[in-house]
Amino acid sequence: MTLPPAPTGRADRLVVRGSAGLRAAVGAVLGPTDWLRVDQRRIDAFAEVTGDHQWIHVDPERAGASAFGSTIAHGYLTLSLCNYFLPLLLTVEDVGMGINYGANRVRFPAPLPAGSRIRGRGEITACADVHGGVQATILVTAEIEGRDRPACVVETLNRWLD
């Protein structure tokens, strides 16, 4: 299955240089990214990869008769798209590598109906020295176009190592 190409991001992505630049960026608001459509093909592909074929995600007819009115994306698909948005929001140059270290808190305030568009926003909330580099805490929000509540809010932990 071929998925649609990834958006290229926006020209206003924050670019910082090294650990010092990242530490200086604490408090920076990031984004938004371009919109990304989460269609049924993407949801079905996620179901296939994870083995999570719950009807609310993969059965449009049955889900259409539910309280949601359509299929909805898996929460963990939405969470993974927050990680997809991160490099569209922030680039850290002059480091050896960046790695995902984890998350402190994840919430799914609103379901993400199939066919909806989401975009990412972020905020660098903290930065701390770790062995070999720096760890940043970044709050990433996946907003749903036309909706008041986001699909996902996650406090990510990311490390950039020298």
N, C-alpha and C. Protein backbone atom coordinates (compact mmCIF):
# COMPACT_ATOMS: atom_id res chain seq x y z
N MET A 1 0.84 -1.17 0.00
CA MET A 1 0.00 0.00 0.00
C MET A 1 0.89 1.24 0.00
N THR A 2 0.59 2.17 -0.87
CA THR A 2 1.34 3.41 -0.95
C THR A 2 0.55 4.52 -0.27
N LEU A 3 1.18 5.20 0.66
CA LEU A 3 0.54 6.32 1.35
C LEU A 3 0.88 7.61 0.64
N PRO A 4 0.07 8.66 0.83
CA PRO A 4 0.36 9.94 0.19
C PRO A 4 1.70 10.48 0.67
N PRO A 5 2.35 11.30 -0.15
CA PRO A 5 3.64 11.85 0.26
C PRO A 5 3.50 12.74 1.49
N ALA A 6 4.57 12.80 2.24
CA ALA A 6 4.60 13.64 3.43
C ALA A 6 4.70 15.10 3.03
N PRO A 7 4.02 15.98 3.77
CA PRO A 7 4.19 17.40 3.49
C PRO A 7 5.62 17.81 3.83
N THR A 8 6.08 18.85 3.22
CA THR A 8 7.46 19.28 3.39
C THR A 8 7.67 20.17 4.60
N GLY A 9 6.62 20.54 5.27
CA GLY A 9 6.77 21.42 6.42
C GLY A 9 6.58 22.86 6.01
N ARG A 10 6.99 23.77 6.87
CA ARG A 10 6.80 25.19 6.60
C ARG A 10 8.14 25.91 6.73
N ALA A 11 8.22 27.03 6.08
CA ALA A 11 9.46 27.80 6.11
C ALA A 11 9.74 28.36 7.50
N ASP A 12 8.73 28.45 8.35
CA ASP A 12 8.94 29.04 9.68
C ASP A 12 9.32 28.02 10.75
N ARG A 13 9.77 26.85 10.33
CA ARG A 13 10.26 25.84 11.27
C ARG A 13 11.42 26.47 12.06
N LEU A 14 11.49 26.19 13.34
CA LEU A 14 12.57 26.71 14.17
C LEU A 14 13.83 25.88 13.92
N VAL A 15 14.92 26.56 13.62
CA VAL A 15 16.21 25.91 13.43
C VAL A 15 17.15 26.46 14.49
N VAL A 16 17.73 25.56 15.30
CA VAL A 16 18.68 25.96 16.32
C VAL A 16 19.99 25.23 16.08
N ARG A 17 21.07 25.80 16.61
CA ARG A 17 22.39 25.20 16.43
C ARG A 17 22.87 24.62 17.73
N GLY A 18 23.00 23.30 17.76
CA GLY A 18 23.59 22.60 18.87
C GLY A 18 22.82 22.69 20.18
N SER A 19 23.45 22.14 21.21
CA SER A 19 22.84 22.09 22.54
C SER A 19 22.57 23.49 23.08
N ALA A 20 23.51 24.40 22.86
CA ALA A 20 23.34 25.76 23.38
C ALA A 20 22.13 26.43 22.74
N GLY A 21 21.95 26.24 21.45
CA GLY A 21 20.79 26.82 20.76
C GLY A 21 19.48 26.24 21.25
N LEU A 22 19.49 24.95 21.56
CA LEU A 22 18.28 24.31 22.07
C LEU A 22 17.95 24.83 23.46
N ARG A 23 18.97 24.95 24.32
CA ARG A 23 18.73 25.49 25.67
C ARG A 23 18.18 26.92 25.59
N ALA A 24 18.69 27.71 24.67
CA ALA A 24 18.24 29.09 24.52
C ALA A 24 16.81 29.18 23.97
N ALA A 25 16.33 28.10 23.37
CA ALA A 25 14.99 28.10 22.76
C ALA A 25 13.88 27.70 23.71
N VAL A 26 14.20 27.42 24.97
CA VAL A 26 13.13 27.05 25.91
C VAL A 26 12.11 28.18 25.95
N GLY A 27 10.85 27.81 25.84
CA GLY A 27 9.75 28.77 25.78
C GLY A 27 9.30 29.07 24.37
N ALA A 28 10.07 28.64 23.37
CA ALA A 28 9.70 28.89 21.97
C ALA A 28 8.43 28.13 21.60
N VAL A 29 7.55 28.81 20.90
CA VAL A 29 6.33 28.20 20.36
C VAL A 29 6.64 27.77 18.93
N LEU A 30 6.26 26.57 18.58
CA LEU A 30 6.60 25.96 17.30
C LEU A 30 5.37 25.73 16.44
N GLY A 31 5.49 26.07 15.18
CA GLY A 31 4.44 25.75 14.22
C GLY A 31 3.44 26.87 14.01
N PRO A 32 2.39 26.49 13.34
CA PRO A 32 1.93 25.13 13.03
C PRO A 32 2.58 24.57 11.77
N THR A 33 2.45 23.25 11.62
CA THR A 33 2.86 22.58 10.40
C THR A 33 1.76 22.75 9.36
N ASP A 34 2.01 22.23 8.17
CA ASP A 34 0.95 22.12 7.18
C ASP A 34 -0.04 21.06 7.65
N TRP A 35 -1.23 21.09 7.07
CA TRP A 35 -2.26 20.09 7.38
C TRP A 35 -1.89 18.75 6.76
N LEU A 36 -2.25 17.69 7.43
CA LEU A 36 -2.07 16.33 6.95
C LEU A 36 -3.40 15.60 7.04
N ARG A 37 -3.86 15.05 5.92
CA ARG A 37 -5.13 14.30 5.92
C ARG A 37 -4.88 12.89 6.45
N VAL A 38 -5.72 12.48 7.39
CA VAL A 38 -5.66 11.11 7.93
C VAL A 38 -6.87 10.37 7.35
N ASP A 39 -6.61 9.70 6.23
CA ASP A 39 -7.70 9.03 5.52
C ASP A 39 -7.81 7.57 5.95
N GLN A 40 -8.83 6.91 5.43
CA GLN A 40 -9.07 5.52 5.81
C GLN A 40 -7.93 4.61 5.40
N ARG A 41 -7.26 4.92 4.29
CA ARG A 41 -6.10 4.10 3.87
C ARG A 41 -5.00 4.12 4.93
N ARG A 42 -4.73 5.28 5.49
CA ARG A 42 -3.69 5.40 6.52
C ARG A 42 -4.12 4.63 7.77
N ILE A 43 -5.39 4.75 8.15
CA ILE A 43 -5.91 4.05 9.33
C ILE A 43 -5.83 2.54 9.11
N ASP A 44 -6.23 2.08 7.93
CA ASP A 44 -6.17 0.64 7.63
C ASP A 44 -4.73 0.14 7.64
N ALA A 45 -3.80 0.94 7.12
CA ALA A 45 -2.39 0.54 7.11
C ALA A 45 -1.86 0.42 8.54
N PHE A 46 -2.26 1.35 9.41
CA PHE A 46 -1.84 1.27 10.80
C PHE A 46 -2.43 0.02 11.47
N ALA A 47 -3.69 -0.27 11.17
CA ALA A 47 -4.32 -1.48 11.72
C ALA A 47 -3.57 -2.73 11.27
N GLU A 48 -3.16 -2.75 10.02
CA GLU A 48 -2.45 -3.91 9.49
C GLU A 48 -1.09 -4.09 10.18
N VAL A 49 -0.39 -3.00 10.37
CA VAL A 49 0.94 -3.07 10.99
C VAL A 49 0.86 -3.48 12.46
N THR A 50 -0.15 -2.96 13.17
CA THR A 50 -0.24 -3.21 14.62
C THR A 50 -1.11 -4.39 14.99
N GLY A 51 -1.93 -4.86 14.04
CA GLY A 51 -2.85 -5.95 14.35
C GLY A 51 -4.09 -5.48 15.10
N ASP A 52 -4.28 -4.17 15.20
CA ASP A 52 -5.44 -3.61 15.91
C ASP A 52 -6.54 -3.34 14.88
N HIS A 53 -7.42 -4.33 14.71
CA HIS A 53 -8.49 -4.23 13.72
C HIS A 53 -9.85 -3.96 14.37
N GLN A 54 -9.85 -3.25 15.48
CA GLN A 54 -11.09 -2.87 16.16
C GLN A 54 -12.04 -2.22 15.15
N TRP A 55 -13.29 -2.60 15.16
CA TRP A 55 -14.24 -2.14 14.15
C TRP A 55 -14.38 -0.63 14.09
N ILE A 56 -14.21 0.06 15.20
CA ILE A 56 -14.37 1.52 15.18
C ILE A 56 -13.32 2.18 14.28
N HIS A 57 -12.24 1.43 13.97
CA HIS A 57 -11.19 1.96 13.10
C HIS A 57 -11.31 1.48 11.66
N VAL A 58 -11.78 0.26 11.46
CA VAL A 58 -11.66 -0.35 10.13
C VAL A 58 -12.98 -0.75 9.46
N ASP A 59 -14.11 -0.57 10.12
CA ASP A 59 -15.39 -0.96 9.53
C ASP A 59 -16.26 0.29 9.36
N PRO A 60 -16.16 0.96 8.19
CA PRO A 60 -16.90 2.22 7.99
C PRO A 60 -18.41 2.10 8.17
N GLU A 61 -18.98 0.98 7.76
CA GLU A 61 -20.43 0.83 7.89
C GLU A 61 -20.85 0.75 9.36
N ARG A 62 -20.21 -0.12 10.10
CA ARG A 62 -20.55 -0.27 11.52
C ARG A 62 -20.21 1.01 12.30
N ALA A 63 -19.04 1.58 12.02
CA ALA A 63 -18.63 2.79 12.73
C ALA A 63 -19.54 3.97 12.38
N GLY A 64 -20.06 3.98 11.15
CA GLY A 64 -20.98 5.04 10.74
C GLY A 64 -22.25 5.06 11.56
N ALA A 65 -22.64 3.92 12.08
CA ALA A 65 -23.84 3.82 12.91
C ALA A 65 -23.54 4.06 14.39
N SER A 66 -22.28 4.28 14.72
CA SER A 66 -21.89 4.49 16.12
C SER A 66 -22.03 5.96 16.50
N ALA A 67 -21.76 6.25 17.75
CA ALA A 67 -21.81 7.64 18.24
C ALA A 67 -20.80 8.54 17.53
N PHE A 68 -19.74 7.96 16.96
CA PHE A 68 -18.73 8.76 16.26
C PHE A 68 -19.16 9.13 14.85
N GLY A 69 -20.05 8.37 14.25
CA GLY A 69 -20.56 8.68 12.92
C GLY A 69 -19.63 8.29 11.78
N SER A 70 -18.47 7.78 12.08
CA SER A 70 -17.52 7.32 11.07
C SER A 70 -16.43 6.54 11.78
N THR A 71 -15.53 5.95 11.00
CA THR A 71 -14.36 5.37 11.64
C THR A 71 -13.51 6.48 12.21
N ILE A 72 -12.69 6.13 13.19
CA ILE A 72 -11.78 7.09 13.80
C ILE A 72 -10.37 6.48 13.80
N ALA A 73 -9.38 7.35 13.78
CA ALA A 73 -7.99 6.90 13.82
C ALA A 73 -7.68 6.30 15.19
N HIS A 74 -6.79 5.35 15.20
CA HIS A 74 -6.28 4.80 16.46
C HIS A 74 -5.60 5.93 17.24
N GLY A 75 -5.73 5.91 18.55
CA GLY A 75 -5.02 6.90 19.35
C GLY A 75 -3.52 6.83 19.13
N TYR A 76 -2.99 5.61 19.02
CA TYR A 76 -1.55 5.48 18.84
C TYR A 76 -1.09 5.88 17.44
N LEU A 77 -1.97 5.82 16.45
CA LEU A 77 -1.65 6.39 15.15
C LEU A 77 -1.50 7.91 15.29
N THR A 78 -2.45 8.52 15.96
CA THR A 78 -2.39 9.96 16.17
C THR A 78 -1.14 10.35 16.95
N LEU A 79 -0.80 9.56 17.98
CA LEU A 79 0.42 9.81 18.74
C LEU A 79 1.65 9.71 17.84
N SER A 80 1.70 8.70 16.98
CA SER A 80 2.87 8.55 16.11
C SER A 80 2.97 9.72 15.14
N LEU A 81 1.86 10.31 14.76
CA LEU A 81 1.90 11.47 13.88
C LEU A 81 2.44 12.70 14.61
N CYS A 82 2.31 12.75 15.93
CA CYS A 82 2.95 13.83 16.70
C CYS A 82 4.47 13.74 16.53
N ASN A 83 5.00 12.54 16.52
CA ASN A 83 6.43 12.36 16.28
C ASN A 83 6.78 12.73 14.85
N TYR A 84 5.89 12.46 13.92
CA TYR A 84 6.08 12.86 12.52
C TYR A 84 6.17 14.39 12.41
N PHE A 85 5.35 15.09 13.21
CA PHE A 85 5.35 16.56 13.14
C PHE A 85 6.60 17.18 13.73
N LEU A 86 7.22 16.52 14.68
CA LEU A 86 8.32 17.14 15.41
C LEU A 86 9.44 17.67 14.51
N PRO A 87 9.97 16.90 13.55
CA PRO A 87 11.02 17.48 12.70
C PRO A 87 10.51 18.55 11.73
N LEU A 88 9.19 18.62 11.54
CA LEU A 88 8.63 19.70 10.75
C LEU A 88 8.54 20.99 11.56
N LEU A 89 8.57 20.86 12.88
CA LEU A 89 8.49 22.00 13.79
C LEU A 89 9.86 22.51 14.22
N LEU A 90 10.83 21.61 14.34
CA LEU A 90 12.11 21.94 14.94
C LEU A 90 13.23 21.16 14.27
N THR A 91 14.30 21.87 13.94
CA THR A 91 15.53 21.25 13.45
C THR A 91 16.66 21.67 14.38
N VAL A 92 17.42 20.69 14.85
CA VAL A 92 18.59 20.97 15.68
C VAL A 92 19.81 20.60 14.85
N GLU A 93 20.58 21.61 14.47
CA GLU A 93 21.78 21.40 13.65
C GLU A 93 23.01 21.23 14.55
N ASP A 94 24.07 20.73 13.95
CA ASP A 94 25.37 20.59 14.61
C ASP A 94 25.32 19.68 15.84
N VAL A 95 24.58 18.60 15.73
CA VAL A 95 24.57 17.56 16.76
C VAL A 95 24.82 16.23 16.04
N GLY A 96 25.26 15.24 16.81
CA GLY A 96 25.53 13.94 16.21
C GLY A 96 24.28 13.20 15.80
N MET A 97 23.28 13.24 16.68
CA MET A 97 22.01 12.57 16.38
C MET A 97 20.94 13.01 17.36
N GLY A 98 19.70 12.82 16.95
CA GLY A 98 18.56 13.04 17.83
C GLY A 98 17.83 11.73 18.03
N ILE A 99 17.35 11.50 19.25
CA ILE A 99 16.61 10.26 19.53
C ILE A 99 15.37 10.58 20.36
N ASN A 100 14.35 9.76 20.18
CA ASN A 100 13.18 9.84 21.04
C ASN A 100 13.54 9.14 22.35
N TYR A 101 13.26 9.80 23.45
CA TYR A 101 13.58 9.20 24.75
C TYR A 101 12.32 8.71 25.46
N GLY A 102 11.17 9.30 25.12
CA GLY A 102 9.92 8.86 25.73
C GLY A 102 8.91 9.98 25.81
N ALA A 103 7.97 9.80 26.70
CA ALA A 103 6.91 10.79 26.90
C ALA A 103 6.52 10.80 28.37
N ASN A 104 6.23 11.98 28.88
CA ASN A 104 5.77 12.08 30.26
C ASN A 104 4.26 11.92 30.37
N ARG A 105 3.54 12.42 29.39
CA ARG A 105 2.09 12.44 29.47
C ARG A 105 1.51 12.45 28.06
N VAL A 106 0.49 11.63 27.85
CA VAL A 106 -0.20 11.58 26.56
C VAL A 106 -1.69 11.62 26.83
N ARG A 107 -2.40 12.44 26.08
CA ARG A 107 -3.87 12.50 26.19
C ARG A 107 -4.47 12.57 24.79
N PHE A 108 -5.66 12.01 24.64
CA PHE A 108 -6.42 12.03 23.40
C PHE A 108 -7.75 12.74 23.67
N PRO A 109 -7.77 14.07 23.69
CA PRO A 109 -8.97 14.81 24.07
C PRO A 109 -10.17 14.64 23.14
N ALA A 110 -9.91 14.36 21.84
CA ALA A 110 -11.03 14.22 20.90
C ALA A 110 -10.70 13.13 19.89
N PRO A 111 -11.73 12.39 19.44
CA PRO A 111 -11.49 11.38 18.40
C PRO A 111 -11.13 12.06 17.08
N LEU A 112 -10.39 11.35 16.25
CA LEU A 112 -9.98 11.86 14.94
C LEU A 112 -10.71 11.08 13.86
N PRO A 113 -11.80 11.66 13.31
CA PRO A 113 -12.57 10.95 12.29
C PRO A 113 -11.76 10.74 11.01
N ALA A 114 -11.95 9.59 10.36
CA ALA A 114 -11.29 9.32 9.09
C ALA A 114 -11.61 10.44 8.11
N GLY A 115 -10.59 10.85 7.37
CA GLY A 115 -10.75 11.92 6.39
C GLY A 115 -10.46 13.30 6.94
N SER A 116 -10.27 13.41 8.24
CA SER A 116 -9.97 14.71 8.86
C SER A 116 -8.53 15.12 8.56
N ARG A 117 -8.29 16.40 8.74
CA ARG A 117 -6.93 16.90 8.61
C ARG A 117 -6.44 17.36 9.98
N ILE A 118 -5.17 17.05 10.25
CA ILE A 118 -4.55 17.49 11.50
C ILE A 118 -3.25 18.23 11.17
N ARG A 119 -2.81 19.02 12.13
CA ARG A 119 -1.51 19.68 12.02
C ARG A 119 -0.88 19.73 13.39
N GLY A 120 0.41 19.92 13.41
CA GLY A 120 1.13 19.95 14.68
C GLY A 120 1.52 21.34 15.11
N ARG A 121 1.48 21.54 16.41
CA ARG A 121 2.03 22.74 17.07
C ARG A 121 2.88 22.24 18.21
N GLY A 122 3.79 23.06 18.67
CA GLY A 122 4.63 22.63 19.77
C GLY A 122 5.11 23.78 20.62
N GLU A 123 5.70 23.41 21.74
CA GLU A 123 6.36 24.38 22.62
C GLU A 123 7.49 23.66 23.33
N ILE A 124 8.66 24.26 23.29
CA ILE A 124 9.80 23.72 24.04
C ILE A 124 9.63 24.20 25.48
N THR A 125 9.34 23.27 26.38
CA THR A 125 9.02 23.65 27.76
C THR A 125 10.18 23.51 28.73
N ALA A 126 11.17 22.69 28.38
CA ALA A 126 12.32 22.51 29.28
C ALA A 126 13.48 21.93 28.51
N CYS A 127 14.66 22.10 29.08
CA CYS A 127 15.87 21.55 28.48
C CYS A 127 16.85 21.26 29.61
N ALA A 128 17.46 20.09 29.58
CA ALA A 128 18.38 19.69 30.64
C ALA A 128 19.57 18.95 30.04
N ASP A 129 20.72 19.15 30.65
CA ASP A 129 21.91 18.42 30.23
C ASP A 129 21.77 16.95 30.61
N VAL A 130 22.18 16.07 29.71
CA VAL A 130 22.26 14.64 29.96
C VAL A 130 23.63 14.19 29.46
N HIS A 131 24.03 13.02 29.86
CA HIS A 131 25.33 12.50 29.43
C HIS A 131 25.41 12.50 27.90
N GLY A 132 26.35 13.25 27.36
CA GLY A 132 26.57 13.28 25.92
C GLY A 132 25.72 14.25 25.15
N GLY A 133 24.90 15.05 25.82
CA GLY A 133 24.07 15.99 25.07
C GLY A 133 23.05 16.71 25.92
N VAL A 134 21.88 16.89 25.35
CA VAL A 134 20.82 17.65 26.00
C VAL A 134 19.48 16.95 25.76
N GLN A 135 18.61 17.04 26.75
CA GLN A 135 17.25 16.49 26.64
C GLN A 135 16.26 17.64 26.68
N ALA A 136 15.39 17.68 25.68
CA ALA A 136 14.35 18.71 25.62
C ALA A 136 12.99 18.08 25.87
N THR A 137 12.17 18.79 26.61
CA THR A 137 10.77 18.43 26.80
C THR A 137 9.98 19.33 25.86
N ILE A 138 9.23 18.72 24.96
CA ILE A 138 8.48 19.47 23.96
C ILE A 138 7.03 19.03 24.01
N LEU A 139 6.15 19.98 24.23
CA LEU A 139 4.72 19.71 24.21
C LEU A 139 4.25 19.78 22.76
N VAL A 140 3.74 18.67 22.24
CA VAL A 140 3.26 18.62 20.86
C VAL A 140 1.75 18.40 20.88
N THR A 141 1.04 19.21 20.11
CA THR A 141 -0.41 19.13 20.02
C THR A 141 -0.80 18.86 18.57
N ALA A 142 -1.65 17.84 18.36
CA ALA A 142 -2.20 17.54 17.04
C ALA A 142 -3.60 18.15 16.97
N GLU A 143 -3.72 19.27 16.28
CA GLU A 143 -4.99 19.96 16.14
C GLU A 143 -5.79 19.35 15.01
N ILE A 144 -7.11 19.31 15.18
CA ILE A 144 -8.01 18.82 14.13
C ILE A 144 -8.65 20.03 13.46
N GLU A 145 -8.56 20.07 12.16
CA GLU A 145 -9.13 21.20 11.41
C GLU A 145 -10.63 21.33 11.72
N GLY A 146 -11.05 22.54 12.08
CA GLY A 146 -12.46 22.82 12.33
C GLY A 146 -12.98 22.36 13.68
N ARG A 147 -12.11 21.87 14.53
CA ARG A 147 -12.54 21.38 15.85
C ARG A 147 -11.88 22.19 16.96
N ASP A 148 -12.56 22.31 18.08
CA ASP A 148 -12.02 23.05 19.22
C ASP A 148 -11.00 22.25 20.02
N ARG A 149 -11.22 20.93 20.12
CA ARG A 149 -10.32 20.10 20.92
C ARG A 149 -9.35 19.35 20.01
N PRO A 150 -8.11 19.19 20.46
CA PRO A 150 -7.13 18.47 19.65
C PRO A 150 -7.33 16.96 19.72
N ALA A 151 -6.71 16.27 18.77
CA ALA A 151 -6.75 14.81 18.75
C ALA A 151 -5.76 14.21 19.74
N CYS A 152 -4.63 14.91 19.95
CA CYS A 152 -3.61 14.38 20.85
C CYS A 152 -2.77 15.53 21.41
N VAL A 153 -2.41 15.39 22.65
CA VAL A 153 -1.45 16.29 23.29
C VAL A 153 -0.45 15.39 24.01
N VAL A 154 0.84 15.57 23.69
CA VAL A 154 1.87 14.72 24.27
C VAL A 154 3.06 15.56 24.71
N GLU A 155 3.55 15.27 25.88
CA GLU A 155 4.78 15.88 26.37
C GLU A 155 5.92 14.93 26.03
N THR A 156 6.64 15.26 24.96
CA THR A 156 7.69 14.36 24.48
C THR A 156 9.03 14.66 25.13
N LEU A 157 9.86 13.64 25.22
CA LEU A 157 11.24 13.78 25.68
C LEU A 157 12.13 13.39 24.51
N ASN A 158 12.98 14.31 24.11
CA ASN A 158 13.86 14.09 22.96
C ASN A 158 15.29 14.44 23.36
N ARG A 159 16.21 13.62 22.93
CA ARG A 159 17.62 13.87 23.23
C ARG A 159 18.38 14.15 21.95
N TRP A 160 19.23 15.17 22.03
CA TRP A 160 20.17 15.45 20.95
C TRP A 160 21.55 15.26 21.52
N LEU A 161 22.29 14.35 20.90
CA LEU A 161 23.59 13.95 21.41
C LEU A 161 24.70 14.48 20.53
N ASP A 162 25.79 14.88 21.16
CA ASP A 162 26.93 15.45 20.43
C ASP A 162 27.69 14.39 19.67
